[in-house]
């Protein structure tokens, strides 16, 4: 044991042991308080965007429920033209976040679409390609 301590102190490490480098010799951790990256003024990974100027790029209008604005009380399953607006080309019912329909009307709308599908007024799936 005394031999091993003398060897490690003198700098001769035994063949099987792994010695850790001193804290000053270790590379700095990436998430720590090492050197910081320079501030990037504009743009993402692809560089700055064309058109210059900052601020908002486009104005997105808030979606409003079609049934509330037009005061449509009942959603009829026989009204295929109305229901077809809320069904995607693939046959899926379009979600609320895309159409802007409020929650109670979306529930009624989806049940009306399902009724219309069951009596073959609307297709279950889109066209086969």
C-alpha atoms as a PDB file:
ATOM      1  CA  UNK A   1       0.000   0.000   0.000  1.00  0.00           C
ATOM      2  CA  UNK A   2       2.838   2.394   0.790  1.00  0.00           C
ATOM      3  CA  UNK A   3       4.341   1.573  -2.651  1.00  0.00           C
ATOM      4  CA  UNK A   4       1.098   2.563  -4.426  1.00  0.00           C
ATOM      5  CA  UNK A   5       0.834   5.909  -2.644  1.00  0.00           C
ATOM      6  CA  UNK A   6       4.446   6.732  -3.425  1.00  0.00           C
ATOM      7  CA  UNK A   7       3.978   5.826  -7.105  1.00  0.00           C
ATOM      8  CA  UNK A   8       0.871   8.008  -7.530  1.00  0.00           C
ATOM      9  CA  UNK A   9       2.538  10.928  -5.800  1.00  0.00           C
ATOM     10  CA  UNK A  10       5.675  10.655  -7.887  1.00  0.00           C
ATOM     11  CA  UNK A  11       3.630  10.504 -11.111  1.00  0.00           C
ATOM     12  CA  UNK A  12       4.138   6.784 -11.947  1.00  0.00           C
ATOM     13  CA  UNK A  13       0.631   5.339 -12.155  1.00  0.00           C
ATOM     14  CA  UNK A  14       0.156   1.577 -12.063  1.00  0.00           C
ATOM     15  CA  UNK A  15      -0.935   0.004 -15.360  1.00  0.00           C
ATOM     16  CA  UNK A  16      -4.495  -0.874 -14.267  1.00  0.00           C
ATOM     17  CA  UNK A  17      -5.536   2.396 -12.580  1.00  0.00           C
ATOM     18  CA  UNK A  18      -7.064   5.398 -14.277  1.00  0.00           C
ATOM     19  CA  UNK A  19      -6.044   8.784 -12.994  1.00  0.00           C
ATOM     20  CA  UNK A  20      -8.375  11.789 -13.270  1.00  0.00           C
ATOM     21  CA  UNK A  21      -6.840  14.986 -14.630  1.00  0.00           C
ATOM     22  CA  UNK A  22      -6.527  17.996 -12.361  1.00  0.00           C
ATOM     23  CA  UNK A  23      -9.494  20.430 -12.388  1.00  0.00           C
ATOM     24  CA  UNK A  24      -7.466  23.001 -14.320  1.00  0.00           C
ATOM     25  CA  UNK A  25      -6.696  20.446 -17.083  1.00  0.00           C
ATOM     26  CA  UNK A  26     -10.315  19.251 -17.508  1.00  0.00           C
ATOM     27  CA  UNK A  27     -12.445  20.693 -20.332  1.00  0.00           C
ATOM     28  CA  UNK A  28     -15.201  23.061 -19.159  1.00  0.00           C
ATOM     29  CA  UNK A  29     -18.716  21.517 -19.003  1.00  0.00           C
ATOM     30  CA  UNK A  30     -20.991  22.596 -21.832  1.00  0.00           C
ATOM     31  CA  UNK A  31     -23.878  23.706 -19.618  1.00  0.00           C
ATOM     32  CA  UNK A  32     -21.741  25.392 -16.962  1.00  0.00           C
ATOM     33  CA  UNK A  33     -20.395  28.865 -16.571  1.00  0.00           C
ATOM     34  CA  UNK A  34     -17.757  28.537 -19.281  1.00  0.00           C
ATOM     35  CA  UNK A  35     -17.409  30.669 -22.356  1.00  0.00           C
ATOM     36  CA  UNK A  36     -20.715  31.942 -23.756  1.00  0.00           C
ATOM     37  CA  UNK A  37     -21.762  32.034 -27.366  1.00  0.00           C
ATOM     38  CA  UNK A  38     -22.027  35.412 -29.049  1.00  0.00           C
ATOM     39  CA  UNK A  39     -25.534  36.905 -29.264  1.00  0.00           C
ATOM     40  CA  UNK A  40     -27.259  36.288 -32.581  1.00  0.00           C
ATOM     41  CA  UNK A  41     -29.198  39.307 -33.694  1.00  0.00           C
ATOM     42  CA  UNK A  42     -31.758  37.883 -36.125  1.00  0.00           C
ATOM     43  CA  UNK A  43     -32.879  34.730 -37.823  1.00  0.00           C
ATOM     44  CA  UNK A  44     -32.753  31.095 -36.972  1.00  0.00           C
ATOM     45  CA  UNK A  45     -30.403  28.328 -37.976  1.00  0.00           C
ATOM     46  CA  UNK A  46     -30.698  29.330 -41.628  1.00  0.00           C
ATOM     47  CA  UNK A  47     -29.615  32.921 -41.050  1.00  0.00           C
ATOM     48  CA  UNK A  48     -31.587  36.154 -41.164  1.00  0.00           C
ATOM     49  CA  UNK A  49     -34.881  36.285 -43.019  1.00  0.00           C
ATOM     50  CA  UNK A  50     -35.433  38.211 -46.214  1.00  0.00           C
ATOM     51  CA  UNK A  51     -37.500  41.390 -46.160  1.00  0.00           C
ATOM     52  CA  UNK A  52     -35.662  42.967 -43.233  1.00  0.00           C
ATOM     53  CA  UNK A  53     -37.749  44.583 -40.489  1.00  0.00           C
ATOM     54  CA  UNK A  54     -38.701  43.054 -37.198  1.00  0.00           C
ATOM     55  CA  UNK A  55     -41.981  42.581 -35.436  1.00  0.00           C
ATOM     56  CA  UNK A  56     -44.879  40.455 -36.527  1.00  0.00           C
ATOM     57  CA  UNK A  57     -44.725  38.871 -39.951  1.00  0.00           C
ATOM     58  CA  UNK A  58     -48.473  38.470 -40.457  1.00  0.00           C
ATOM     59  CA  UNK A  59     -51.713  39.117 -38.606  1.00  0.00           C
ATOM     60  CA  UNK A  60     -53.763  36.051 -37.750  1.00  0.00           C
ATOM     61  CA  UNK A  61     -57.432  36.850 -37.313  1.00  0.00           C
ATOM     62  CA  UNK A  62     -59.173  35.182 -34.367  1.00  0.00           C
ATOM     63  CA  UNK A  63     -61.416  32.392 -35.546  1.00  0.00           C
ATOM     64  CA  UNK A  64     -65.064  32.748 -34.604  1.00  0.00           C
ATOM     65  CA  UNK A  65     -67.719  30.056 -34.516  1.00  0.00           C
ATOM     66  CA  UNK A  66     -69.715  30.078 -37.739  1.00  0.00           C
ATOM     67  CA  UNK A  67     -72.803  28.723 -36.003  1.00  0.00           C
ATOM     68  CA  UNK A  68     -72.722  31.405 -33.280  1.00  0.00           C
ATOM     69  CA  UNK A  69     -72.223  34.311 -35.704  1.00  0.00           C
ATOM     70  CA  UNK A  70     -74.933  33.156 -38.122  1.00  0.00           C
ATOM     71  CA  UNK A  71     -77.186  32.158 -35.192  1.00  0.00           C
ATOM     72  CA  UNK A  72     -77.749  28.631 -36.476  1.00  0.00           C
ATOM     73  CA  UNK A  73     -79.651  26.952 -33.633  1.00  0.00           C
ATOM     74  CA  UNK A  74     -79.688  23.326 -34.776  1.00  0.00           C
ATOM     75  CA  UNK A  75     -77.190  21.507 -36.936  1.00  0.00           C
ATOM     76  CA  UNK A  76     -79.197  19.247 -39.218  1.00  0.00           C
ATOM     77  CA  UNK A  77     -77.587  15.987 -40.367  1.00  0.00           C
ATOM     78  CA  UNK A  78     -79.435  16.310 -43.721  1.00  0.00           C
ATOM     79  CA  UNK A  79     -77.693  19.597 -44.572  1.00  0.00           C
ATOM     80  CA  UNK A  80     -74.826  17.983 -46.486  1.00  0.00           C
ATOM     81  CA  UNK A  81     -73.466  21.242 -47.925  1.00  0.00           C
ATOM     82  CA  UNK A  82     -72.945  22.669 -44.452  1.00  0.00           C
ATOM     83  CA  UNK A  83     -71.475  19.468 -43.028  1.00  0.00           C
ATOM     84  CA  UNK A  84     -69.115  18.955 -45.988  1.00  0.00           C
ATOM     85  CA  UNK A  85     -67.334  22.224 -45.084  1.00  0.00           C
ATOM     86  CA  UNK A  86     -66.170  20.607 -41.830  1.00  0.00           C
ATOM     87  CA  UNK A  87     -64.970  17.319 -43.320  1.00  0.00           C
ATOM     88  CA  UNK A  88     -61.489  17.085 -44.837  1.00  0.00           C
ATOM     89  CA  UNK A  89     -60.843  15.609 -48.278  1.00  0.00           C
ATOM     90  CA  UNK A  90     -59.574  12.438 -46.611  1.00  0.00           C
ATOM     91  CA  UNK A  91     -62.921  12.064 -44.813  1.00  0.00           C
ATOM     92  CA  UNK A  92     -61.760  13.153 -41.355  1.00  0.00           C
ATOM     93  CA  UNK A  93     -63.739  15.626 -39.270  1.00  0.00           C
ATOM     94  CA  UNK A  94     -61.746  18.871 -39.172  1.00  0.00           C
ATOM     95  CA  UNK A  95     -60.661  19.802 -35.612  1.00  0.00           C
ATOM     96  CA  UNK A  96     -61.868  22.892 -33.747  1.00  0.00           C
ATOM     97  CA  UNK A  97     -58.500  24.623 -33.817  1.00  0.00           C
ATOM     98  CA  UNK A  98     -58.641  24.705 -37.617  1.00  0.00           C
ATOM     99  CA  UNK A  99     -62.306  25.577 -38.123  1.00  0.00           C
ATOM    100  CA  UNK A 100     -62.824  27.924 -35.176  1.00  0.00           C
ATOM    101  CA  UNK A 101     -66.104  26.301 -34.130  1.00  0.00           C
ATOM    102  CA  UNK A 102     -66.916  26.555 -30.406  1.00  0.00           C
ATOM    103  CA  UNK A 103     -66.992  23.421 -28.226  1.00  0.00           C
ATOM    104  CA  UNK A 104     -70.772  22.838 -27.957  1.00  0.00           C
ATOM    105  CA  UNK A 105     -71.254  23.355 -31.708  1.00  0.00           C
ATOM    106  CA  UNK A 106     -68.279  21.092 -32.507  1.00  0.00           C
ATOM    107  CA  UNK A 107     -69.923  18.301 -30.490  1.00  0.00           C
ATOM    108  CA  UNK A 108     -73.236  18.724 -32.327  1.00  0.00           C
ATOM    109  CA  UNK A 109     -71.421  19.020 -35.639  1.00  0.00           C
ATOM    110  CA  UNK A 110     -69.452  15.797 -35.167  1.00  0.00           C
ATOM    111  CA  UNK A 111     -72.566  13.842 -34.169  1.00  0.00           C
ATOM    112  CA  UNK A 112     -74.436  15.251 -37.214  1.00  0.00           C
ATOM    113  CA  UNK A 113     -71.550  14.243 -39.499  1.00  0.00           C
ATOM    114  CA  UNK A 114     -71.570  10.743 -38.018  1.00  0.00           C
ATOM    115  CA  UNK A 115     -75.339  10.464 -38.555  1.00  0.00           C
ATOM    116  CA  UNK A 116     -74.974  11.633 -42.159  1.00  0.00           C
ATOM    117  CA  UNK A 117     -72.225   9.061 -42.728  1.00  0.00           C
ATOM    118  CA  UNK A 118     -74.374   6.256 -41.359  1.00  0.00           C
ATOM    119  CA  UNK A 119     -77.189   6.956 -43.809  1.00  0.00           C
ATOM    120  CA  UNK A 120     -74.723   7.458 -46.687  1.00  0.00           C
ATOM    121  CA  UNK A 121     -75.129  11.200 -47.158  1.00  0.00           C
ATOM    122  CA  UNK A 122     -71.418  11.741 -46.466  1.00  0.00           C
ATOM    123  CA  UNK A 123     -68.552   9.371 -47.242  1.00  0.00           C
ATOM    124  CA  UNK A 124     -66.639   7.680 -44.420  1.00  0.00           C
ATOM    125  CA  UNK A 125     -63.355   8.086 -46.300  1.00  0.00           C
ATOM    126  CA  UNK A 126     -62.035  10.224 -49.113  1.00  0.00           C
ATOM    127  CA  UNK A 127     -61.376   9.093 -52.652  1.00  0.00           C
ATOM    128  CA  UNK A 128     -59.028   6.150 -53.116  1.00  0.00           C
ATOM    129  CA  UNK A 129     -55.871   7.146 -54.930  1.00  0.00           C
END
